[in-house]
Protein backbone atom coordinates (compact mmCIF):
# COMPACT_ATOMS: atom_id res chain seq x y z
CA MET A 1 0.00 0.00 0.00
CA ARG A 2 1.27 3.47 -0.86
CA VAL A 3 0.24 6.08 1.67
CA GLY A 4 0.89 9.67 2.50
CA LEU A 5 -0.77 12.59 4.21
CA GLY A 6 -0.18 16.23 4.81
CA ILE A 7 2.57 18.05 6.63
CA GLY A 8 0.70 17.86 9.92
CA GLY A 9 -2.37 16.29 11.33
CA GLY A 10 -2.56 13.66 14.04
CA LEU A 11 -6.24 13.22 13.17
CA ALA A 12 -5.31 12.45 9.60
CA LEU A 13 -2.63 10.03 10.75
CA GLY A 14 -5.11 8.28 13.02
CA SER A 15 -7.46 7.91 10.08
CA LEU A 16 -4.63 6.41 8.05
CA LEU A 17 -3.74 3.82 10.66
CA GLU A 18 -7.39 2.94 11.18
CA ALA A 19 -7.91 2.64 7.43
CA CYS A 20 -4.97 0.27 7.17
CA ALA A 21 -6.66 -2.03 9.64
CA THR A 22 -10.34 -1.79 8.80
CA GLY A 23 -11.54 -1.13 5.29
CA SER A 24 -13.44 1.32 3.16
CA GLY A 25 -16.23 3.41 4.53
CA ASN A 26 -18.88 5.94 3.66
CA THR A 27 -18.64 9.34 5.35
CA ALA A 28 -21.69 10.99 3.75
CA PRO A 29 -25.23 11.14 5.18
CA THR A 30 -28.35 10.36 3.14
CA PRO A 31 -29.09 12.99 0.46
CA PRO A 32 -32.37 14.91 0.71
CA PRO A 33 -35.14 14.31 -1.86
CA GLY A 34 -34.74 16.23 -5.09
CA ALA A 35 -31.04 17.06 -4.76
CA THR A 36 -28.61 16.28 -7.56
CA VAL A 37 -26.12 13.81 -6.11
CA ILE A 38 -22.43 14.01 -6.99
CA ARG A 39 -20.68 10.82 -5.93
CA ALA A 40 -17.00 11.09 -5.02
CA LEU A 41 -14.75 8.06 -4.54
CA LEU A 42 -11.62 9.04 -2.62
CA PHE A 43 -8.58 7.43 -0.99
CA ASP A 44 -9.08 6.40 2.60
CA GLN A 45 -5.32 6.57 3.27
CA VAL A 46 -4.55 10.05 1.93
CA GLY A 47 -5.90 13.55 1.77
CA TYR A 48 -8.19 15.50 4.07
CA ASP A 49 -9.66 14.04 7.23
CA PRO A 50 -13.16 12.58 6.64
CA ASN A 51 -14.74 15.16 8.96
CA VAL A 52 -13.11 17.97 6.99
CA LEU A 53 -14.31 16.45 3.71
CA GLN A 54 -17.87 16.26 4.99
CA ALA A 55 -17.76 19.87 6.17
CA LEU A 56 -16.52 20.93 2.72
CA ALA A 57 -19.27 18.90 1.05
CA ASN A 58 -21.83 20.67 3.26
CA LYS A 59 -20.37 24.06 2.31
CA PHE A 60 -20.47 23.16 -1.39
CA ARG A 61 -24.11 22.17 -0.98
CA SER A 62 -24.95 25.53 0.59
CA LEU A 63 -23.19 27.35 -2.25
CA HIS A 64 -25.64 25.60 -4.59
CA ASN A 65 -28.74 26.44 -2.54
CA ASP A 66 -29.00 22.91 -1.13
CA LYS A 67 -29.73 21.54 -4.60
CA VAL A 68 -26.41 19.67 -4.95
CA PHE A 69 -25.34 16.93 -2.55
CA VAL A 70 -21.85 15.39 -2.52
CA SER A 71 -21.79 11.76 -1.40
CA ILE A 72 -18.30 10.74 -0.29
CA GLU A 73 -17.08 7.15 -0.33
CA THR A 74 -13.57 5.95 0.36
CA ALA A 75 -11.51 2.94 -0.67
CA HIS A 76 -8.05 1.44 -0.22
CA TYR A 77 -5.42 2.00 -2.91
CA ARG A 78 -5.88 -1.17 -4.97
CA GLU A 79 -9.64 -1.26 -4.39
CA LEU A 80 -9.90 2.32 -5.63
CA TYR A 81 -8.01 1.51 -8.83
CA GLU A 82 -10.21 -1.50 -9.53
CA SER A 83 -13.40 0.47 -8.79
CA ILE A 84 -12.43 3.16 -11.31
CA LEU A 85 -11.59 0.46 -13.86
CA ALA A 86 -15.00 -1.18 -13.36
CA ALA A 87 -16.78 2.19 -13.54
CA GLY A 88 -15.85 2.40 -17.21
CA LEU A 89 -18.30 -0.42 -17.91
CA SER A 90 -21.33 1.51 -16.61
CA LYS A 91 -23.24 4.39 -18.14
CA PRO A 92 -23.78 6.58 -16.32
CA ALA A 93 -20.85 5.85 -14.06
CA PRO A 94 -21.47 4.90 -10.42
CA TYR A 95 -19.14 7.78 -9.48
CA ASP A 96 -18.62 11.30 -10.78
CA VAL A 97 -15.36 12.39 -9.12
CA VAL A 98 -12.51 10.00 -8.33
CA ALA A 99 -9.16 10.28 -6.59
CA LEU A 100 -6.24 9.30 -8.81
CA ASP A 101 -2.68 8.29 -8.15
CA GLN A 102 -0.70 10.21 -10.76
CA VAL A 103 0.53 6.97 -12.35
CA TRP A 104 -3.02 5.86 -13.20
CA VAL A 105 -3.75 8.84 -15.44
CA PRO A 106 -2.22 7.51 -18.70
CA GLU A 107 -4.15 4.23 -18.48
CA PHE A 108 -7.52 5.75 -17.62
CA ALA A 109 -7.07 8.55 -20.16
CA ASN A 110 -6.10 6.02 -22.82
CA ARG A 111 -9.23 4.03 -21.97
CA LYS A 112 -11.25 7.27 -22.41
CA GLN A 113 -12.57 6.96 -18.86
CA LEU A 114 -11.62 10.49 -17.76
CA LEU A 115 -13.08 13.83 -18.78
CA SER A 116 -10.49 16.23 -20.20
CA LEU A 117 -9.94 19.19 -17.88
CA LYS A 118 -7.78 21.08 -20.37
CA GLU A 119 -10.39 23.82 -20.81
CA GLN A 120 -11.28 23.77 -17.10
CA ILE A 121 -7.89 25.00 -15.89
CA PRO A 122 -7.62 28.68 -16.89
CA ASP A 123 -4.32 30.51 -17.30
CA ASP A 124 -4.49 32.26 -13.93
CA VAL A 125 -4.83 28.85 -12.25
CA ARG A 126 -1.96 27.37 -14.26
CA SER A 127 0.33 30.27 -13.36
CA ASP A 128 0.03 29.43 -9.65
CA LEU A 129 0.89 25.75 -10.07
CA MET A 130 4.31 24.20 -10.54
CA PRO A 131 4.56 22.87 -14.11
CA SER A 132 5.57 19.47 -12.72
CA LEU A 133 2.23 19.22 -10.89
CA LEU A 134 0.20 19.82 -14.01
CA ASP A 135 2.45 17.48 -15.98
CA ALA A 136 1.92 14.71 -13.41
CA PHE A 137 -1.76 14.57 -14.36
CA SER A 138 -1.33 15.19 -18.09
CA TYR A 139 -1.24 12.69 -20.91
CA ALA A 140 -1.16 13.20 -24.68
CA GLY A 141 -1.18 16.97 -24.23
CA THR A 142 -4.28 17.11 -22.05
CA ASN A 143 -4.88 17.61 -18.33
CA TRP A 144 -7.03 14.81 -16.89
CA ALA A 145 -7.04 15.69 -13.20
CA MET A 146 -6.37 18.55 -10.81
CA PRO A 147 -3.53 18.06 -8.34
CA HIS A 148 -4.83 17.75 -4.80
CA VAL A 149 -2.30 16.26 -2.35
CA LEU A 150 1.42 16.90 -2.75
CA ASN A 151 2.96 13.73 -1.44
CA VAL A 152 6.76 13.72 -1.62
CA GLN A 153 9.41 11.68 0.17
CA SER A 154 11.72 13.36 2.67
CA LEU A 155 14.54 12.19 4.93
CA TYR A 156 13.48 11.91 8.56
CA TYR A 157 16.17 11.56 11.20
CA ASN A 158 16.70 11.36 14.97
CA LYS A 159 18.75 14.39 16.03
CA SER A 160 19.77 12.87 19.38
CA GLN A 161 21.05 9.65 17.87
CA LEU A 162 22.90 11.54 15.15
CA ARG A 163 24.61 13.81 17.70
CA GLY A 164 25.49 10.77 19.79
CA ALA A 165 27.43 9.41 16.82
CA GLY A 166 29.33 12.68 16.47
CA PHE A 167 27.36 14.39 13.69
CA SER A 168 25.89 17.86 14.08
CA ALA A 169 23.83 17.94 10.88
CA PRO A 170 22.01 15.59 8.51
CA PRO A 171 23.88 14.36 5.42
CA LYS A 172 24.32 16.63 2.41
CA THR A 173 25.33 13.89 -0.03
CA LEU A 174 24.66 10.18 -0.36
CA GLU A 175 28.29 9.56 0.52
CA ASP A 176 27.82 11.55 3.75
CA TRP A 177 24.70 9.53 4.52
CA TYR A 178 26.54 6.23 4.08
CA GLN A 179 29.34 7.47 6.37
CA GLN A 180 26.82 8.46 9.04
CA MET A 181 24.98 5.14 8.83
CA THR A 182 28.25 3.24 9.14
CA ALA A 183 29.16 5.20 12.26
CA LEU A 184 25.73 4.67 13.80
CA ARG A 185 25.72 0.92 13.27
CA ALA A 186 27.57 0.11 16.49
CA THR A 187 24.84 1.55 18.71
CA VAL A 188 21.57 1.65 16.75
CA THR A 189 20.00 0.37 13.52
CA PRO A 190 20.80 3.23 11.15
CA TYR A 191 17.95 3.05 8.65
CA THR A 192 14.57 1.55 7.77
CA ASP A 193 12.42 1.70 4.68
CA SER A 194 9.31 0.15 3.08
CA TRP A 195 10.65 -2.68 0.96
CA SER A 196 7.80 -5.19 1.06
CA GLN A 197 6.56 -6.36 -2.35
CA ASP A 198 4.27 -3.41 -2.90
CA GLU A 199 4.03 -0.06 -4.66
CA GLY A 200 6.14 1.57 -1.96
CA LEU A 201 9.13 -0.52 -3.06
CA VAL A 202 8.89 0.89 -6.59
CA SER A 203 8.60 4.43 -5.22
CA ASP A 204 11.72 3.90 -3.13
CA PHE A 205 13.66 2.50 -6.06
CA VAL A 206 12.69 5.47 -8.25
CA ARG A 207 14.06 7.69 -5.48
CA ILE A 208 17.29 5.71 -4.98
CA THR A 209 17.91 5.76 -8.73
CA ALA A 210 17.32 9.53 -8.68
CA GLU A 211 19.96 9.79 -5.94
CA PHE A 212 22.40 8.43 -8.52
CA GLY A 213 21.10 10.86 -11.16
CA GLY A 214 18.97 8.46 -13.21
CA ASP A 215 15.51 7.27 -14.18
CA LEU A 216 13.99 3.81 -14.60
CA PHE A 217 12.45 4.60 -18.00
CA ASP A 218 13.09 7.10 -20.79
CA ALA A 219 10.49 9.55 -22.11
CA ALA A 220 9.24 6.98 -24.63
CA GLY A 221 8.61 4.36 -21.93
CA LYS A 222 11.66 2.20 -22.64
CA PRO A 223 13.17 0.63 -19.48
CA LEU A 224 16.69 1.74 -18.56
CA LEU A 225 17.49 -0.89 -15.95
CA LEU A 226 20.83 -1.86 -17.48
CA GLN A 227 22.18 1.68 -17.35
CA GLN A 228 24.64 2.77 -14.68
CA PRO A 229 22.37 4.84 -12.37
CA VAL A 230 19.87 1.98 -12.00
CA GLN A 231 22.63 -0.58 -11.58
CA ARG A 232 24.26 1.56 -8.89
CA ALA A 233 20.92 1.98 -7.12
CA ALA A 234 20.29 -1.77 -7.09
CA ALA A 235 23.80 -2.48 -5.80
CA PHE A 236 23.42 0.17 -3.09
CA MET A 237 20.17 -1.37 -1.83
CA ARG A 238 21.89 -4.72 -1.53
CA GLN A 239 24.93 -3.14 0.14
CA LEU A 240 22.75 -1.53 2.80
CA ILE A 241 21.23 -4.94 3.57
CA ASP A 242 24.50 -6.89 3.51
CA GLU A 243 26.25 -4.39 5.78
CA HIS A 244 23.33 -4.41 8.26
CA LEU A 245 22.68 -0.71 7.79
CA VAL A 246 18.99 -1.20 7.11
CA ARG A 247 16.48 -2.79 9.50
CA ALA A 248 16.02 -6.49 8.67
CA GLU A 249 12.23 -6.13 8.84
CA SER A 250 12.31 -3.67 5.92
CA ALA A 251 11.75 -6.58 3.53
CA ALA A 252 8.27 -6.99 5.01
CA SER A 253 7.55 -3.34 5.84
CA ASN A 254 5.19 -0.85 4.23
CA GLU A 255 5.27 2.92 4.84
CA PRO A 256 3.31 2.90 8.14
CA ASP A 257 5.57 0.09 9.41
CA ALA A 258 8.68 2.12 8.57
CA MET A 259 7.19 5.16 10.27
CA ARG A 260 6.40 3.19 13.44
CA ALA A 261 9.97 1.87 13.63
CA PHE A 262 11.30 5.42 13.35
CA LEU A 263 8.83 6.88 15.86
CA SER A 264 9.72 4.14 18.37
CA GLY A 265 13.34 5.32 18.39
CA GLY A 266 14.53 2.03 16.97
CA VAL A 267 16.21 3.57 13.91
CA THR A 268 17.93 6.86 13.13
CA PHE A 269 16.84 7.43 9.52
CA THR A 270 13.87 6.71 7.31
CA THR A 271 12.67 8.08 3.99
CA ASN A 272 8.91 8.44 3.89
CA TRP A 273 5.95 10.55 2.83
CA ASN A 274 4.70 13.78 4.41
CA PHE A 275 2.57 12.12 7.07
CA VAL A 276 5.61 11.34 9.24
CA TRP A 277 6.09 15.07 9.89
CA GLY A 278 2.69 15.31 11.55
CA ALA A 279 3.40 12.29 13.76
CA MET A 280 6.91 12.97 15.07
CA ASN A 281 5.82 15.23 17.93
CA ASP A 282 2.40 13.72 18.55
CA PRO A 283 2.51 11.70 21.81
CA ALA A 284 -0.29 9.49 20.52
CA PHE A 285 2.15 8.00 17.99
CA SER A 286 5.70 9.07 18.83
CA GLN A 287 8.29 8.10 21.43
CA ILE A 288 10.83 10.57 20.03
CA ILE A 289 9.14 13.86 20.95
CA GLY A 290 11.56 16.70 20.22
CA GLN A 291 14.12 14.38 18.62
CA GLY A 292 12.71 13.96 15.11
CA ALA A 293 13.68 16.24 12.24
CA VAL A 294 13.33 16.40 8.47
CA ALA A 295 15.89 17.03 5.74
CA ALA A 296 16.36 16.93 2.01
CA ILE A 297 17.10 13.42 0.72
CA PRO A 298 20.76 13.54 -0.30
CA ALA A 299 21.91 12.74 -3.82
CA ALA A 300 25.26 11.26 -4.75
CA ALA A 301 27.92 13.93 -5.23
CA SER A 302 28.20 12.92 -8.89
CA ALA A 303 24.51 13.75 -9.48
CA GLY A 304 25.17 17.43 -8.83
CA LYS A 305 21.76 17.95 -7.19
CA PRO A 306 20.87 19.39 -3.77
CA ALA A 307 18.29 16.63 -3.21
CA ALA A 308 16.69 13.59 -4.83
CA SER A 309 13.17 12.43 -4.09
CA VAL A 310 10.10 10.79 -5.61
CA SER A 311 6.58 12.14 -6.01
CA GLY A 312 3.36 10.39 -5.06
CA PHE A 313 0.85 13.06 -6.00
CA LEU A 314 -2.89 12.59 -5.59
CA GLY A 315 -5.28 14.22 -8.05
CA LEU A 316 -9.02 14.51 -8.56
CA GLY A 317 -10.58 13.62 -11.89
CA VAL A 318 -14.06 13.44 -13.38
CA LEU A 319 -15.25 10.25 -15.05
CA ALA A 320 -16.18 10.77 -18.69
CA ASN A 321 -19.43 8.84 -18.29
CA SER A 322 -20.58 10.87 -15.28
CA ALA A 323 -24.20 11.98 -15.50
CA HIS A 324 -23.31 15.38 -14.03
CA THR A 325 -19.97 16.44 -15.49
CA ASP A 326 -20.44 20.20 -14.99
CA LEU A 327 -21.25 19.86 -11.29
CA ALA A 328 -18.52 17.26 -10.87
CA VAL A 329 -15.96 19.68 -12.33
CA ALA A 330 -17.31 22.40 -10.03
CA TRP A 331 -16.78 20.14 -7.00
CA VAL A 332 -13.20 19.37 -8.10
CA ARG A 333 -12.48 23.07 -8.62
CA TYR A 334 -13.92 23.89 -5.20
CA LEU A 335 -12.12 21.12 -3.31
CA THR A 336 -8.76 22.07 -4.84
CA SER A 337 -9.30 25.86 -4.66
CA PRO A 338 -6.88 28.22 -2.90
CA GLU A 339 -9.74 29.27 -0.60
CA VAL A 340 -10.13 25.71 0.69
CA ALA A 341 -6.41 24.92 0.68
CA SER A 342 -5.56 28.04 2.69
CA GLN A 343 -7.62 26.69 5.60
CA GLN A 344 -5.93 23.25 5.52
CA THR A 345 -2.65 24.36 7.07
CA GLY A 346 -1.73 20.78 7.89
CA GLN A 347 -1.30 20.03 4.19
CA LEU A 348 1.45 20.99 1.74
CA PRO A 349 -0.65 23.15 -0.64
CA ILE A 350 -0.58 22.75 -4.40
CA TRP A 351 -0.61 26.53 -4.88
CA THR A 352 2.76 28.27 -5.16
CA SER A 353 1.35 31.44 -3.61
CA LEU A 354 0.24 29.52 -0.52
CA GLN A 355 3.54 27.64 -0.27
CA LYS A 356 5.27 31.02 0.03
CA SER A 357 2.72 32.52 2.40
CA ALA A 358 3.55 33.70 5.91
CA GLU A 359 0.84 31.45 7.35
CA MET A 360 2.35 28.31 5.81
CA ARG A 361 5.83 29.25 7.03
CA LYS A 362 4.44 29.84 10.50
CA THR A 363 2.64 26.47 10.48
CA ASN A 364 5.62 24.62 9.06
CA PRO A 365 9.01 26.30 9.61
CA GLN A 366 10.60 23.48 7.60
CA ILE A 367 8.58 24.23 4.47
CA ASP A 368 11.76 24.92 2.45
CA VAL A 369 12.95 21.35 3.12
CA PHE A 370 9.74 19.93 1.70
CA LEU A 371 9.86 22.32 -1.26
CA SER A 372 13.46 21.30 -1.98
CA ASN A 373 12.44 17.64 -2.03
CA LEU A 374 9.42 18.56 -4.16
CA ALA A 375 11.54 20.49 -6.67
CA ASN A 376 13.93 17.53 -6.97
CA ALA A 377 11.31 14.76 -7.01
CA ARG A 378 11.27 12.26 -9.86
CA PRO A 379 7.87 10.92 -10.93
CA ARG A 380 7.26 7.23 -11.29
CA PRO A 381 7.17 6.36 -15.02
CA LYS A 382 4.27 7.66 -17.11
CA LEU A 383 3.04 4.46 -18.80
CA VAL A 384 -0.38 3.30 -20.00
CA HIS A 385 0.63 -0.09 -18.58
CA TYR A 386 2.04 1.27 -15.32
CA VAL A 387 0.19 -1.17 -13.05
CA GLU A 388 1.56 -4.16 -14.96
CA ALA A 389 5.07 -2.65 -15.12
CA SER A 390 5.01 -1.92 -11.39
CA ALA A 391 4.10 -5.54 -10.66
CA VAL A 392 7.17 -6.67 -12.63
CA LEU A 393 9.42 -4.23 -10.79
CA GLN A 394 7.99 -5.16 -7.39
CA ARG A 395 8.66 -8.85 -7.95
CA HIS A 396 12.27 -8.49 -9.10
CA LEU A 397 13.15 -5.77 -6.61
CA HIS A 398 11.82 -7.90 -3.80
CA ASP A 399 13.95 -10.82 -4.98
CA LEU A 400 16.90 -8.44 -4.71
CA VAL A 401 15.86 -7.41 -1.18
CA LEU A 402 15.47 -11.05 -0.11
CA GLY A 403 18.84 -11.90 -1.62
CA THR A 404 17.56 -14.69 -3.85
CA VAL A 405 19.22 -13.04 -6.88
CA THR A 406 22.08 -10.62 -7.40
CA PRO A 407 21.27 -6.97 -8.13
CA SER A 408 22.49 -7.27 -11.72
CA ARG A 409 20.40 -10.41 -12.33
CA ALA A 410 17.30 -8.79 -10.82
CA MET A 411 17.69 -5.79 -13.12
CA ALA A 412 18.43 -7.91 -16.20
CA ASP A 413 15.38 -10.11 -15.64
CA ALA A 414 13.14 -7.11 -14.98
CA GLN A 415 14.47 -5.33 -18.08
CA ALA A 416 13.65 -8.33 -20.27
CA GLU A 417 10.10 -8.62 -18.93
CA LEU A 418 9.47 -4.89 -19.22
CA LEU A 419 10.59 -4.84 -22.85
CA VAL A 420 8.11 -7.62 -23.65
CA LEU A 421 5.41 -5.70 -21.78
CA GLN A 422 6.21 -2.51 -23.65
CA ALA A 423 5.99 -4.28 -26.99
CA ARG A 424 2.64 -5.83 -26.08
CA PHE A 425 1.05 -2.50 -25.18
CA ALA A 426 2.61 -0.74 -28.18
CA SER A 427 1.04 -3.18 -30.65
């Protein structure tokens, strides 16, 4: 499961942990007679707290004189993907607005399941959004979703443990990070990550490859797993395991597991999504109050970059076979608007103007760290067959993590399968 929340928010974190254990739910009351119902299917692991969403739905209803009612349902990551896929078989669709992982956009756009939002994003809106955010939800020259949640990986570290090993600051380069982990090893497990056979493993490998200055695929969708940056990334993962620098349980850990290990004080470093920031100083979740900190994820010196990260953006799209496309677009525009975002100070806003605002800097004094990681974040590959390609990568990367194959063999086998997959979807 791939998860991530805003910069703050213990309530949101509690919802995430509960969602991991329970299942999907419905947060909306029964609509009144005569109201036009807009049905929204959203992630239960990411985004605004359900109570906040319901309050926003109520406000939207009042703005439309109680004649529009937003029904909010939630689903887990894989369940959400499959529900959107199935919705393409119904007309009208069972949902109007859906949450989208950025990597799903090419497939659903190619299947003609999403309404183009190209004409719904005016120039004044575009000018206040980072081009990379719009590009994340674009395919074939068209915007198919509005960015909503800016999930990006950052380096979280334990200041006390780092000082105890003789270091006054977090690492600036990957080489520095390796040196610090090696020094820490005698007294504490240096590092943990989410390397179970899941989407989080692919996200981490995109980020590690970025730390060496590379990408997993080229712009045309051809895999690059035999090239040096990917090979170095695979070898580095294995080195961390062999030298006992990474927590042994990482092979079976997802993002919440990695966060828990860090918040328990059992490890010094973890790379993870924004939700860790909101948990570090919350006594409901953390045993390292006052000790946790966040930094840019260091790149190798040869990469020549101040940071290297990976994006996991969440967007909101409208299904093409919605019975109420105009109202659905209006709900998306409202939910992602600067007016709404300015009140959600626990989130990293999509709007550049809000990112630079005094209120955001007051709420999160470390905003520049998150923005540095955001500016240096690589996207996961933009492929119409992303879900299938990710499954291939997950399987071979996990073999590498378990040590059943060498890093070079894992990459060679994955490269061969991905080339066959690419040819199948290109035909």
